[in-house]
Amino acid sequence: MYPLGLAPDGSGNGTTPEGLQQILACRYSQPGTIAGLALTASATLMQISVGAGAAAVQLASGLLVEVPVAPINLTLAAAPTSGSRVDIIAIAGATGQLAVVSAVPAGSQEIGRVTVPAGATKGTDCTISSDRIWAVLQGASQGIIATWTETTATNTQIPTSKQTLAT
């Protein structure tokens, strides 16, 4: 192992790709979208456009890479004749390639989901899921859902009528 940020020594020792992947894995408590990667449906073709951005992709336990993504159009397979199917848009960590898959392969990260109904002929006939998986840095917060500040004095008896939250 060699410290990140130091130039290789006279023997050529330096930070290895695996060492950097270990450092990146320590930075994130959860892989996912870092920024961008907006999904937009085509109004004329069976395509989904993926906007520019970046993702944190776990290659294996304790190994993670950050993958930059250039804008790309992905073609969806023909719609089923009945029912619907869910396509997953995923990015492969080792290659940086985006693909439409039925299950997320190992070493890849889900970017989004598209439900393709029977008879769909263009992207806008489909439903893009808004359930984004965001990359989370160690110690970071994804926001506060609720907070409470106690305003009574220590050892104050709270009336029974105020001890239960209304539903």
Foldseek 3Di string as FASTA:
>chain_A
DADPPDDQDPVRDDQDLQNVQLVVLQFWPFWFFADAQDWDWDPAAQKIKTDWGWTWWAQDVSGIDIATDHIDIAHDDAADQAAKAKWWWKAARVPRDIYTDRDADHRIYTAWIKIGHHPDGTRVNIDTDPPGDHTHTVPDDPDDPDDDDDDDDPPDDDDPVPPDDDD
